[in-house]
Amino acid sequence: MELPAFTNPEDNIKALGIYEGMVIADLGAGIGAYTIPLAEKVGETGRVYAVEVQKDLLTNIKNEAVARGLKNVELLWGDIEHVGGTKIKDGAVDVVVISNVLFLAEDRLGLLREAKRILKTGGKLLLVDWSDSFNNLGPSPRMIITKDVARTMCEAEGFVLKNEVPVGAHHYGFIMLKS
C-alpha cells in the first residue's frame, strides 16, 4: 500500500534557498527523503549529514546515494536528542532539517538544542511536522505537537521565525534562523 504524499520534500527544500557548497544536516533522516534531494542540490562541493539512530535506514540511504553517484552524503549513526549526539562540530552546518521527527522525540528540547549547536549563526532550521492525525496515518492525536507549541519551543531556544512554509496537507512548516 502506498501512503499518500502529504508533504513533498523537494517542494519544501525549494523554500530553503539551497545552493552549491552548503553543508546540511538531516536529523532523523529516515529513508533519506530529504537527504538525497539535498545532496543533489548542494553538489560535489557541499555535504549532507544524514543522522539516524536506526542503522538499517542509514544503509538504505547509503545504497540510494551510491546508486545516484552521490559522494557528498555522510552517514552518521547518532542520537539527535542529546547535545553532541550527532557528532557534528559546533556551528558546522548552514541548514538543519527536522521533518516528521519532533512528535517522535522523547527529548524535544534536546533535539532543538542539538540543532542549534551544529548550526552556524544565521543558519536555517527547516522544521516540518504533523498538524493532525489523518485516517489513522501519522501520529496519534495525543502525540501531535501543535504548530504554536513547536514555534514557542523553537523561540525559547533562541530561534527566530523567518517564515512559515506551506508543506502540504496535515503538516506545518517553519524556517527558523539561529540568532
Protein backbone atom coordinates (compact mmCIF):
# COMPACT_ATOMS: atom_id res chain seq x y z
CA MET A 1 0.00 0.00 0.00
CA GLU A 2 1.43 3.35 -0.99
CA LEU A 3 0.94 6.14 1.52
CA PRO A 4 -0.38 9.43 0.20
CA ALA A 5 2.33 12.06 -0.18
CA PHE A 6 1.16 14.62 2.36
CA THR A 7 4.34 16.65 2.30
CA ASN A 8 6.79 16.86 -0.58
CA PRO A 9 10.45 17.17 0.49
CA GLU A 10 11.51 18.58 -2.89
CA ASP A 11 8.95 21.40 -2.63
CA ASN A 12 9.92 22.08 0.98
CA ILE A 13 13.61 22.25 0.02
CA LYS A 14 12.88 24.97 -2.57
CA ALA A 15 11.77 27.28 0.25
CA LEU A 16 15.22 26.98 1.86
CA GLY A 17 17.23 28.56 -0.95
CA ILE A 18 19.79 25.75 -1.12
CA TYR A 19 22.87 26.34 -3.26
CA GLU A 20 26.06 24.51 -4.18
CA GLY A 21 28.60 24.14 -1.42
CA MET A 22 26.19 24.29 1.51
CA VAL A 23 26.54 21.94 4.48
CA ILE A 24 23.27 20.46 5.69
CA ALA A 25 22.24 18.08 8.47
CA ASP A 26 19.13 15.92 8.10
CA LEU A 27 18.30 14.95 11.69
CA GLY A 28 16.26 11.78 11.87
CA ALA A 29 16.97 11.18 8.19
CA GLY A 30 14.72 8.12 7.98
CA ILE A 31 14.54 6.84 4.40
CA GLY A 32 16.52 9.81 3.05
CA ALA A 33 13.53 11.69 1.59
CA TYR A 34 15.40 14.95 2.28
CA THR A 35 18.98 13.67 2.30
CA ILE A 36 19.07 12.56 -1.34
CA PRO A 37 17.48 15.66 -2.97
CA LEU A 38 19.56 17.93 -0.70
CA ALA A 39 22.75 16.11 -1.72
CA GLU A 40 21.85 16.64 -5.37
CA LYS A 41 21.30 20.38 -4.74
CA VAL A 42 24.49 21.12 -2.75
CA GLY A 43 26.64 19.43 -5.39
CA GLU A 44 30.13 17.99 -5.07
CA THR A 45 31.38 20.95 -3.02
CA GLY A 46 28.58 20.58 -0.47
CA ARG A 47 27.86 17.95 2.14
CA VAL A 48 24.77 16.40 3.68
CA TYR A 49 24.96 14.65 7.02
CA ALA A 50 22.23 12.02 7.35
CA VAL A 51 21.85 11.41 11.08
CA GLU A 52 19.76 8.45 12.10
CA VAL A 53 19.58 6.09 15.09
CA GLN A 54 18.35 3.11 13.02
CA LYS A 55 21.35 1.61 11.22
CA ASP A 56 19.24 -0.19 8.59
CA LEU A 57 17.82 3.15 7.46
CA LEU A 58 21.36 4.52 7.08
CA THR A 59 22.21 1.50 4.91
CA ASN A 60 19.23 2.28 2.68
CA ILE A 61 20.33 5.92 2.33
CA LYS A 62 23.87 4.81 1.52
CA ASN A 63 22.61 2.44 -1.18
CA GLU A 64 20.45 5.17 -2.74
CA ALA A 65 23.32 7.70 -2.65
CA VAL A 66 25.69 5.19 -4.31
CA ALA A 67 23.06 4.33 -6.94
CA ARG A 68 22.81 8.03 -7.81
CA GLY A 69 26.57 8.59 -7.75
CA LEU A 70 26.40 10.97 -4.78
CA LYS A 71 29.68 11.19 -2.86
CA ASN A 72 28.66 14.08 -0.63
CA VAL A 73 26.42 12.19 1.81
CA GLU A 74 27.93 11.40 5.19
CA LEU A 75 26.06 8.82 7.25
CA LEU A 76 26.10 9.36 11.00
CA TRP A 77 24.68 6.88 13.46
CA GLY A 78 23.77 9.14 16.31
CA ASP A 79 21.32 10.37 18.90
CA ILE A 80 19.74 13.60 17.68
CA GLU A 81 18.08 14.29 21.05
CA HIS A 82 21.25 14.95 23.02
CA VAL A 83 23.72 17.79 22.71
CA GLY A 84 26.74 16.30 20.96
CA GLY A 85 24.76 13.22 19.92
CA THR A 86 25.10 13.87 16.18
CA LYS A 87 28.92 14.01 16.41
CA ILE A 88 28.85 17.11 14.15
CA LYS A 89 31.08 20.03 15.15
CA ASP A 90 29.63 23.19 16.70
CA GLY A 91 28.50 25.72 14.09
CA ALA A 92 29.38 23.41 11.20
CA VAL A 93 26.18 23.46 9.15
CA ASP A 94 24.23 26.03 7.13
CA VAL A 95 20.88 24.24 7.36
CA VAL A 96 19.28 21.67 9.66
CA VAL A 97 16.22 19.72 8.53
CA ILE A 98 13.92 18.14 11.12
CA SER A 99 10.98 16.60 9.30
CA ASN A 100 8.31 14.44 10.93
CA VAL A 101 10.62 13.83 13.88
CA LEU A 102 9.60 16.34 16.57
CA PHE A 103 6.44 14.41 17.50
CA LEU A 104 8.55 11.25 17.97
CA ALA A 105 11.27 12.84 20.10
CA GLU A 106 11.30 11.99 23.77
CA ASP A 107 13.58 14.98 24.49
CA ARG A 108 12.26 17.66 22.16
CA LEU A 109 14.29 20.44 23.72
CA GLY A 110 17.40 18.28 23.47
CA LEU A 111 16.68 17.87 19.75
CA LEU A 112 16.30 21.63 19.24
CA ARG A 113 19.44 22.35 21.29
CA GLU A 114 21.46 19.93 19.19
CA ALA A 115 20.13 21.57 16.00
CA LYS A 116 21.13 24.98 17.37
CA ARG A 117 24.57 23.76 18.42
CA ILE A 118 25.53 22.49 14.98
CA LEU A 119 24.05 25.45 13.06
CA LYS A 120 26.14 28.45 12.08
CA THR A 121 24.90 31.80 13.36
CA GLY A 122 22.25 32.89 10.88
CA GLY A 123 21.80 29.27 9.79
CA LYS A 124 18.36 27.93 8.94
CA LEU A 125 16.25 25.27 10.60
CA LEU A 126 13.51 23.71 8.49
CA LEU A 127 11.02 22.20 10.91
CA VAL A 128 8.18 20.16 9.38
CA ASP A 129 5.77 18.14 11.47
CA TRP A 130 2.26 16.71 11.59
CA SER A 131 -0.57 19.16 12.31
CA ASP A 132 -3.16 16.44 12.79
CA SER A 133 -3.89 12.75 12.56
CA PHE A 134 -5.49 11.69 9.29
CA ASN A 135 -7.32 8.44 8.58
CA ASN A 136 -5.09 6.62 11.11
CA LEU A 137 -1.99 7.86 9.26
CA GLY A 138 0.61 9.84 11.10
CA PRO A 139 0.82 10.15 14.87
CA SER A 140 -2.00 9.56 17.29
CA PRO A 141 -3.70 12.84 18.27
CA ARG A 142 -2.03 12.84 21.70
CA MET A 143 1.45 12.73 20.10
CA ILE A 144 0.95 15.77 17.89
CA ILE A 145 2.95 18.89 18.71
CA THR A 146 0.85 21.82 17.51
CA LYS A 147 2.32 24.50 15.29
CA ASP A 148 2.06 27.09 18.09
CA VAL A 149 3.76 24.83 20.63
CA ALA A 150 6.55 23.97 18.17
CA ARG A 151 7.14 27.62 17.36
CA THR A 152 7.18 28.57 21.05
CA MET A 153 9.70 25.79 21.77
CA CYS A 154 11.98 26.96 18.94
CA GLU A 155 11.77 30.59 20.03
CA ALA A 156 12.51 29.61 23.64
CA GLU A 157 15.74 28.01 22.34
CA GLY A 158 16.73 31.25 20.60
CA PHE A 159 15.47 30.59 17.08
CA VAL A 160 13.73 33.42 15.21
CA LEU A 161 10.89 32.74 12.77
CA LYS A 162 11.90 33.66 9.22
CA ASN A 163 8.73 32.37 7.59
CA GLU A 164 6.10 29.69 7.55
CA VAL A 165 6.30 27.28 4.64
CA PRO A 166 3.28 25.61 3.03
CA VAL A 167 4.28 21.97 3.37
CA GLY A 168 1.14 20.17 2.32
CA ALA A 169 -1.91 18.66 3.94
CA HIS A 170 -1.79 17.60 7.59
CA HIS A 171 1.60 19.26 8.24
CA TYR A 172 3.06 22.62 9.21
CA GLY A 173 6.47 24.00 8.39
CA PHE A 174 8.72 26.82 9.55
CA ILE A 175 12.06 28.17 8.57
CA MET A 176 13.69 29.41 11.76
CA LEU A 177 17.00 31.27 11.97
CA LYS A 178 19.69 30.75 14.59
CA SER A 179 20.19 34.19 16.07
